[in-house]
């Protein structure tokens, strides 16, 4: 299994809904292979309040909240995800990085086949008006 870890800080419900819509679009067999951890890093309006009316029961979903607003605490939020992760694999995402249906299928194949303790680094695919799509390494 794979845990998808998402850090959240004041991005608003709309940004989170993009992830949720994609996660729900995964096939049931793919969703069974994934766990989802979201860490709200002390947002002014807790994500829990923004999503209380959403149906998350078909996802293996856990939401955590950091109660102290620490400057640039992304590593702390990621550490909390890693601490709470119970799967063999974890993938850390920023709110602006989405995993579409095709990528979810590719990830499921990686975790099925690769039995080694391996670290993967993925390039981000970003929209570009000149060449339509190009690979860009996240800063």
N, C-alpha and C. Protein backbone atom coordinates (compact mmCIF):
# COMPACT_ATOMS: atom_id res chain seq x y z
N UNK A 1 0.83 -1.19 0.00
CA UNK A 1 0.00 0.00 0.00
C UNK A 1 0.87 1.26 0.00
N UNK A 2 0.26 2.34 -0.41
CA UNK A 2 0.95 3.64 -0.51
C UNK A 2 0.14 4.68 0.23
N UNK A 3 0.82 5.51 1.01
CA UNK A 3 0.18 6.66 1.64
C UNK A 3 0.49 7.90 0.81
N UNK A 4 -0.54 8.62 0.44
CA UNK A 4 -0.38 9.91 -0.21
C UNK A 4 -0.52 10.95 0.89
N UNK A 5 0.55 11.71 1.10
CA UNK A 5 0.60 12.71 2.16
C UNK A 5 0.50 14.10 1.53
N UNK A 6 -0.43 14.88 2.01
CA UNK A 6 -0.68 16.21 1.48
C UNK A 6 -0.60 17.22 2.61
N UNK A 7 0.22 18.25 2.44
CA UNK A 7 0.28 19.31 3.43
C UNK A 7 -0.63 20.45 2.99
N UNK A 8 -1.32 21.03 3.96
CA UNK A 8 -2.32 22.06 3.68
C UNK A 8 -2.06 23.26 4.59
N UNK A 9 -2.07 24.47 4.02
CA UNK A 9 -1.95 25.68 4.83
C UNK A 9 -2.68 26.83 4.15
N UNK A 10 -3.88 27.11 4.60
CA UNK A 10 -4.68 28.27 4.15
C UNK A 10 -4.97 28.30 2.64
N UNK A 11 -4.95 27.16 1.95
CA UNK A 11 -5.21 27.19 0.51
C UNK A 11 -6.69 27.24 0.17
N UNK A 12 -7.56 26.94 1.11
CA UNK A 12 -8.99 27.01 0.86
C UNK A 12 -9.57 25.69 0.39
N UNK A 13 -10.88 25.60 0.49
CA UNK A 13 -11.59 24.37 0.16
C UNK A 13 -11.43 23.98 -1.31
N UNK A 14 -11.45 24.97 -2.19
CA UNK A 14 -11.38 24.70 -3.63
C UNK A 14 -10.11 23.94 -3.99
N UNK A 15 -8.98 24.34 -3.41
CA UNK A 15 -7.71 23.67 -3.70
C UNK A 15 -7.74 22.22 -3.23
N UNK A 16 -8.30 21.99 -2.05
CA UNK A 16 -8.39 20.62 -1.54
C UNK A 16 -9.35 19.78 -2.39
N UNK A 17 -10.44 20.39 -2.86
CA UNK A 17 -11.42 19.65 -3.65
C UNK A 17 -10.83 19.09 -4.95
N UNK A 18 -9.83 19.78 -5.52
CA UNK A 18 -9.18 19.25 -6.72
C UNK A 18 -8.56 17.89 -6.42
N UNK A 19 -7.89 17.77 -5.27
CA UNK A 19 -7.30 16.50 -4.88
C UNK A 19 -8.39 15.46 -4.63
N UNK A 20 -9.39 15.86 -3.88
CA UNK A 20 -10.46 14.93 -3.52
C UNK A 20 -11.15 14.37 -4.76
N UNK A 21 -11.44 15.22 -5.73
CA UNK A 21 -12.08 14.77 -6.97
C UNK A 21 -11.22 13.75 -7.70
N UNK A 22 -9.92 14.02 -7.76
CA UNK A 22 -9.02 13.06 -8.41
C UNK A 22 -8.97 11.75 -7.63
N UNK A 23 -8.83 11.82 -6.32
CA UNK A 23 -8.76 10.60 -5.50
C UNK A 23 -10.01 9.75 -5.69
N UNK A 24 -11.16 10.40 -5.76
CA UNK A 24 -12.41 9.65 -5.93
C UNK A 24 -12.55 9.10 -7.35
N UNK A 25 -11.79 9.65 -8.30
CA UNK A 25 -11.86 9.15 -9.68
C UNK A 25 -11.02 7.88 -9.87
N UNK A 26 -10.16 7.57 -8.91
CA UNK A 26 -9.35 6.35 -9.02
C UNK A 26 -10.28 5.15 -8.98
N UNK A 27 -9.92 4.10 -9.66
CA UNK A 27 -10.72 2.88 -9.64
C UNK A 27 -10.76 2.33 -8.21
N UNK A 28 -11.81 1.59 -7.86
CA UNK A 28 -11.90 1.03 -6.50
C UNK A 28 -10.68 0.20 -6.11
N UNK A 29 -10.12 -0.56 -7.05
CA UNK A 29 -8.94 -1.37 -6.71
C UNK A 29 -7.71 -0.51 -6.43
N UNK A 30 -7.59 0.61 -7.12
CA UNK A 30 -6.48 1.54 -6.84
C UNK A 30 -6.72 2.22 -5.49
N UNK A 31 -7.94 2.68 -5.25
CA UNK A 31 -8.24 3.34 -3.97
C UNK A 31 -7.94 2.42 -2.79
N UNK A 32 -8.15 1.11 -2.95
CA UNK A 32 -7.85 0.17 -1.87
C UNK A 32 -6.36 0.11 -1.57
N UNK A 33 -5.53 0.45 -2.54
CA UNK A 33 -4.08 0.40 -2.36
C UNK A 33 -3.52 1.68 -1.73
N UNK A 34 -4.35 2.73 -1.67
CA UNK A 34 -3.88 4.03 -1.19
C UNK A 34 -4.53 4.41 0.13
N UNK A 35 -3.71 5.02 0.98
CA UNK A 35 -4.20 5.71 2.17
C UNK A 35 -3.90 7.19 1.93
N UNK A 36 -4.72 8.04 2.51
CA UNK A 36 -4.56 9.48 2.31
C UNK A 36 -4.41 10.15 3.66
N UNK A 37 -3.32 10.88 3.82
CA UNK A 37 -3.09 11.67 5.03
C UNK A 37 -2.99 13.12 4.60
N UNK A 38 -3.77 13.98 5.25
CA UNK A 38 -3.67 15.43 5.03
C UNK A 38 -3.32 16.06 6.37
N UNK A 39 -2.29 16.90 6.36
CA UNK A 39 -1.89 17.62 7.56
C UNK A 39 -2.19 19.09 7.34
N UNK A 40 -3.11 19.61 8.14
CA UNK A 40 -3.43 21.04 8.16
C UNK A 40 -2.42 21.69 9.09
N UNK A 41 -1.56 22.50 8.53
CA UNK A 41 -0.46 23.11 9.28
C UNK A 41 -0.88 24.42 9.93
N UNK A 42 -1.91 24.34 10.77
CA UNK A 42 -2.41 25.48 11.56
C UNK A 42 -3.00 26.59 10.70
N UNK A 43 -3.84 26.22 9.75
CA UNK A 43 -4.53 27.20 8.91
C UNK A 43 -5.46 28.06 9.78
N UNK A 44 -5.69 29.29 9.33
CA UNK A 44 -6.59 30.19 10.06
C UNK A 44 -7.98 29.58 10.20
N UNK A 45 -8.51 29.05 9.12
CA UNK A 45 -9.76 28.28 9.18
C UNK A 45 -9.38 26.82 9.01
N UNK A 46 -9.57 26.03 10.04
CA UNK A 46 -9.16 24.62 9.94
C UNK A 46 -9.81 23.91 8.76
N UNK A 47 -9.03 23.11 8.06
CA UNK A 47 -9.55 22.35 6.94
C UNK A 47 -10.72 21.48 7.38
N UNK A 48 -10.66 20.97 8.59
CA UNK A 48 -11.74 20.13 9.11
C UNK A 48 -13.08 20.85 9.03
N UNK A 49 -13.11 22.16 9.31
CA UNK A 49 -14.35 22.93 9.21
C UNK A 49 -14.81 23.06 7.76
N UNK A 50 -13.86 23.21 6.85
CA UNK A 50 -14.21 23.43 5.44
C UNK A 50 -14.75 22.17 4.77
N UNK A 51 -14.35 21.00 5.29
CA UNK A 51 -14.73 19.75 4.61
C UNK A 51 -15.71 18.91 5.42
N UNK A 52 -16.25 19.46 6.49
CA UNK A 52 -17.12 18.66 7.37
C UNK A 52 -18.35 18.10 6.66
N UNK A 53 -18.79 18.73 5.58
CA UNK A 53 -19.97 18.27 4.85
C UNK A 53 -19.63 17.33 3.68
N UNK A 54 -18.35 17.01 3.49
CA UNK A 54 -17.95 16.17 2.36
C UNK A 54 -17.98 14.69 2.74
N UNK A 55 -18.30 13.86 1.77
CA UNK A 55 -18.33 12.41 1.97
C UNK A 55 -16.95 11.84 1.65
N UNK A 56 -16.25 11.38 2.69
CA UNK A 56 -14.91 10.83 2.51
C UNK A 56 -14.85 9.35 2.86
N UNK A 57 -16.03 8.73 3.07
CA UNK A 57 -16.04 7.36 3.58
C UNK A 57 -15.49 6.33 2.61
N UNK A 58 -15.47 6.60 1.30
CA UNK A 58 -14.91 5.62 0.36
C UNK A 58 -13.40 5.77 0.18
N UNK A 59 -12.80 6.69 0.96
CA UNK A 59 -11.34 6.86 0.95
C UNK A 59 -10.80 6.47 2.32
N UNK A 60 -9.63 5.90 2.34
CA UNK A 60 -8.96 5.62 3.59
C UNK A 60 -8.23 6.92 3.97
N UNK A 61 -8.94 7.81 4.64
CA UNK A 61 -8.55 9.21 4.81
C UNK A 61 -8.36 9.57 6.28
N UNK A 62 -7.24 10.22 6.59
CA UNK A 62 -7.00 10.74 7.93
C UNK A 62 -6.56 12.19 7.82
N UNK A 63 -7.13 13.03 8.66
CA UNK A 63 -6.79 14.45 8.70
C UNK A 63 -6.17 14.76 10.06
N UNK A 64 -5.03 15.42 10.03
CA UNK A 64 -4.34 15.85 11.24
C UNK A 64 -4.18 17.36 11.19
N UNK A 65 -4.04 17.96 12.37
CA UNK A 65 -3.87 19.42 12.43
C UNK A 65 -2.75 19.76 13.40
N UNK A 66 -1.85 20.63 12.94
CA UNK A 66 -0.82 21.19 13.81
C UNK A 66 -1.45 22.39 14.48
N UNK A 67 -1.38 22.46 15.81
CA UNK A 67 -2.06 23.51 16.56
C UNK A 67 -1.24 24.78 16.78
N UNK A 68 0.04 24.75 16.46
CA UNK A 68 0.88 25.93 16.63
C UNK A 68 1.35 26.40 15.27
N UNK A 69 1.15 27.68 14.95
CA UNK A 69 1.53 28.21 13.65
C UNK A 69 3.02 28.50 13.64
N UNK A 70 3.80 27.54 13.18
CA UNK A 70 5.25 27.67 13.11
C UNK A 70 5.65 28.13 11.72
N UNK A 71 6.59 29.05 11.64
CA UNK A 71 7.03 29.60 10.36
C UNK A 71 7.63 28.50 9.48
N UNK A 72 7.18 28.40 8.25
CA UNK A 72 7.71 27.43 7.26
C UNK A 72 7.77 26.03 7.84
N UNK A 73 6.66 25.53 8.32
CA UNK A 73 6.62 24.24 9.01
C UNK A 73 6.31 23.07 8.07
N UNK A 74 6.54 23.20 6.80
CA UNK A 74 6.27 22.11 5.87
C UNK A 74 7.03 20.84 6.28
N UNK A 75 8.32 20.94 6.63
CA UNK A 75 9.00 19.71 7.07
C UNK A 75 8.35 19.09 8.31
N UNK A 76 7.87 19.91 9.22
CA UNK A 76 7.20 19.39 10.41
C UNK A 76 5.91 18.67 10.04
N UNK A 77 5.15 19.23 9.12
CA UNK A 77 3.91 18.59 8.66
C UNK A 77 4.22 17.28 7.95
N UNK A 78 5.29 17.27 7.18
CA UNK A 78 5.69 16.03 6.50
C UNK A 78 6.15 14.98 7.51
N UNK A 79 6.86 15.42 8.53
CA UNK A 79 7.30 14.48 9.58
C UNK A 79 6.10 13.86 10.28
N UNK A 80 5.06 14.66 10.54
CA UNK A 80 3.85 14.13 11.16
C UNK A 80 3.22 13.06 10.26
N UNK A 81 3.17 13.33 8.97
CA UNK A 81 2.65 12.33 8.03
C UNK A 81 3.47 11.05 8.09
N UNK A 82 4.78 11.20 8.08
CA UNK A 82 5.66 10.02 8.12
C UNK A 82 5.46 9.24 9.41
N UNK A 83 5.29 9.95 10.51
CA UNK A 83 5.07 9.29 11.81
C UNK A 83 3.77 8.50 11.80
N UNK A 84 2.74 9.02 11.19
CA UNK A 84 1.43 8.39 11.18
C UNK A 84 1.26 7.38 10.04
N UNK A 85 2.20 7.35 9.12
CA UNK A 85 2.12 6.44 7.98
C UNK A 85 2.30 4.99 8.45
N UNK A 86 1.38 4.11 8.02
CA UNK A 86 1.49 2.70 8.37
C UNK A 86 1.71 1.81 7.14
N UNK A 87 1.91 2.44 5.98
CA UNK A 87 2.16 1.68 4.76
C UNK A 87 3.67 1.61 4.50
N UNK A 88 4.06 0.74 3.58
CA UNK A 88 5.48 0.63 3.22
C UNK A 88 5.97 1.81 2.40
N UNK A 89 5.05 2.48 1.72
CA UNK A 89 5.39 3.57 0.82
C UNK A 89 4.66 4.84 1.24
N UNK A 90 5.33 5.98 1.01
CA UNK A 90 4.69 7.28 1.23
C UNK A 90 5.12 8.22 0.11
N UNK A 91 4.18 9.02 -0.35
CA UNK A 91 4.44 10.03 -1.38
C UNK A 91 4.00 11.37 -0.82
N UNK A 92 4.93 12.31 -0.71
CA UNK A 92 4.63 13.63 -0.18
C UNK A 92 4.26 14.58 -1.32
N UNK A 93 3.14 15.28 -1.13
CA UNK A 93 2.67 16.24 -2.13
C UNK A 93 2.48 17.62 -1.52
N UNK A 94 2.68 18.64 -2.34
CA UNK A 94 2.25 19.99 -2.00
C UNK A 94 0.84 20.15 -2.55
N UNK A 95 0.14 21.17 -2.12
CA UNK A 95 -1.23 21.38 -2.58
C UNK A 95 -1.32 21.64 -4.08
N UNK A 96 -0.24 22.11 -4.69
CA UNK A 96 -0.29 22.40 -6.12
C UNK A 96 0.21 21.23 -6.97
N UNK A 97 0.40 20.06 -6.38
CA UNK A 97 0.83 18.88 -7.10
C UNK A 97 -0.29 17.85 -7.06
N UNK A 98 -0.82 17.51 -8.22
CA UNK A 98 -1.96 16.59 -8.31
C UNK A 98 -1.53 15.26 -8.92
N UNK A 99 -2.17 14.20 -8.49
CA UNK A 99 -1.94 12.88 -9.07
C UNK A 99 -3.20 12.48 -9.82
N UNK A 100 -3.11 12.49 -11.14
CA UNK A 100 -4.28 12.13 -11.93
C UNK A 100 -4.48 10.62 -11.94
N UNK A 101 -5.54 10.20 -12.58
CA UNK A 101 -5.90 8.78 -12.62
C UNK A 101 -4.79 7.93 -13.23
N UNK A 102 -4.20 8.40 -14.33
CA UNK A 102 -3.13 7.65 -15.00
C UNK A 102 -1.93 7.49 -14.07
N UNK A 103 -1.55 8.57 -13.40
CA UNK A 103 -0.40 8.50 -12.49
C UNK A 103 -0.70 7.57 -11.31
N UNK A 104 -1.94 7.55 -10.83
CA UNK A 104 -2.29 6.66 -9.72
C UNK A 104 -2.10 5.20 -10.14
N UNK A 105 -2.43 4.89 -11.38
CA UNK A 105 -2.25 3.53 -11.89
C UNK A 105 -0.76 3.20 -12.01
N UNK A 106 0.04 4.16 -12.47
CA UNK A 106 1.47 3.94 -12.58
C UNK A 106 2.10 3.74 -11.19
N UNK A 107 1.67 4.53 -10.23
CA UNK A 107 2.18 4.36 -8.86
C UNK A 107 1.82 3.00 -8.29
N UNK A 108 0.61 2.55 -8.57
CA UNK A 108 0.20 1.24 -8.06
C UNK A 108 1.07 0.13 -8.65
N UNK A 109 1.48 0.29 -9.91
CA UNK A 109 2.36 -0.70 -10.53
C UNK A 109 3.75 -0.69 -9.89
N UNK A 110 4.25 0.50 -9.57
CA UNK A 110 5.55 0.60 -8.91
C UNK A 110 5.53 -0.12 -7.57
N UNK A 111 4.50 0.12 -6.78
CA UNK A 111 4.49 -0.50 -5.45
C UNK A 111 4.21 -1.99 -5.50
N UNK A 112 3.58 -2.45 -6.56
CA UNK A 112 3.38 -3.90 -6.72
C UNK A 112 4.69 -4.60 -7.07
N UNK A 113 5.50 -3.97 -7.92
CA UNK A 113 6.69 -4.61 -8.47
C UNK A 113 7.96 -4.38 -7.66
N UNK A 114 8.14 -3.20 -7.12
CA UNK A 114 9.41 -2.85 -6.49
C UNK A 114 9.40 -3.26 -5.03
N UNK A 115 10.17 -4.28 -4.71
CA UNK A 115 10.24 -4.78 -3.33
C UNK A 115 11.45 -4.21 -2.59
N UNK A 116 12.26 -3.42 -3.28
CA UNK A 116 13.44 -2.83 -2.66
C UNK A 116 13.05 -1.60 -1.85
N UNK A 117 13.93 -1.22 -0.98
CA UNK A 117 13.74 0.06 -0.27
C UNK A 117 14.32 1.12 -1.18
N UNK A 118 13.46 1.80 -1.89
CA UNK A 118 13.86 2.70 -2.95
C UNK A 118 13.25 4.08 -2.72
N UNK A 119 13.97 5.09 -3.13
CA UNK A 119 13.44 6.45 -3.12
C UNK A 119 13.29 6.87 -4.58
N UNK A 120 12.14 7.40 -4.92
CA UNK A 120 11.88 7.89 -6.27
C UNK A 120 11.72 9.41 -6.23
N UNK A 121 12.19 10.04 -7.26
CA UNK A 121 11.99 11.48 -7.43
C UNK A 121 11.26 11.65 -8.76
N UNK A 122 10.13 12.35 -8.73
CA UNK A 122 9.34 12.55 -9.93
C UNK A 122 9.45 13.99 -10.38
N UNK A 123 9.56 14.19 -11.69
CA UNK A 123 9.49 15.53 -12.24
C UNK A 123 8.03 15.93 -12.37
N UNK A 124 7.78 17.18 -12.20
CA UNK A 124 6.44 17.72 -12.31
C UNK A 124 6.15 18.02 -13.77
N UNK A 125 4.96 17.72 -14.23
CA UNK A 125 4.54 18.10 -15.58
C UNK A 125 3.66 19.34 -15.42
N UNK A 126 4.06 20.40 -16.08
CA UNK A 126 3.40 21.69 -15.93
C UNK A 126 2.89 22.20 -17.27
N UNK A 127 1.75 22.85 -17.25
CA UNK A 127 1.21 23.45 -18.47
C UNK A 127 2.14 24.58 -18.94
N UNK A 128 2.35 24.66 -20.25
CA UNK A 128 3.15 25.72 -20.84
C UNK A 128 2.53 26.05 -22.19
N UNK A 129 2.19 27.30 -22.39
CA UNK A 129 1.50 27.70 -23.62
C UNK A 129 2.35 27.50 -24.87
N UNK A 130 3.68 27.60 -24.76
CA UNK A 130 4.53 27.47 -25.94
C UNK A 130 4.65 26.01 -26.40
N UNK A 131 5.04 25.10 -25.50
CA UNK A 131 5.21 23.71 -25.92
C UNK A 131 4.16 22.80 -25.35
N UNK A 132 3.06 23.32 -24.90
CA UNK A 132 1.93 22.58 -24.36
C UNK A 132 2.27 21.92 -23.02
N UNK A 133 3.26 21.00 -23.01
CA UNK A 133 3.63 20.36 -21.74
C UNK A 133 5.15 20.22 -21.69
N UNK A 134 5.71 20.42 -20.54
CA UNK A 134 7.13 20.20 -20.36
C UNK A 134 7.37 19.72 -18.94
N UNK A 135 8.53 19.11 -18.72
CA UNK A 135 8.88 18.62 -17.40
C UNK A 135 9.66 19.71 -16.66
N UNK A 136 9.33 19.90 -15.44
CA UNK A 136 10.00 20.91 -14.63
C UNK A 136 10.26 20.30 -13.27
N UNK A 137 11.46 20.38 -12.79
CA UNK A 137 11.76 19.88 -11.44
C UNK A 137 11.24 20.89 -10.44
N UNK A 138 10.53 20.39 -9.44
CA UNK A 138 9.99 21.26 -8.39
C UNK A 138 11.15 21.93 -7.65
N UNK A 139 11.05 23.23 -7.37
CA UNK A 139 12.21 23.94 -6.77
C UNK A 139 12.63 23.39 -5.43
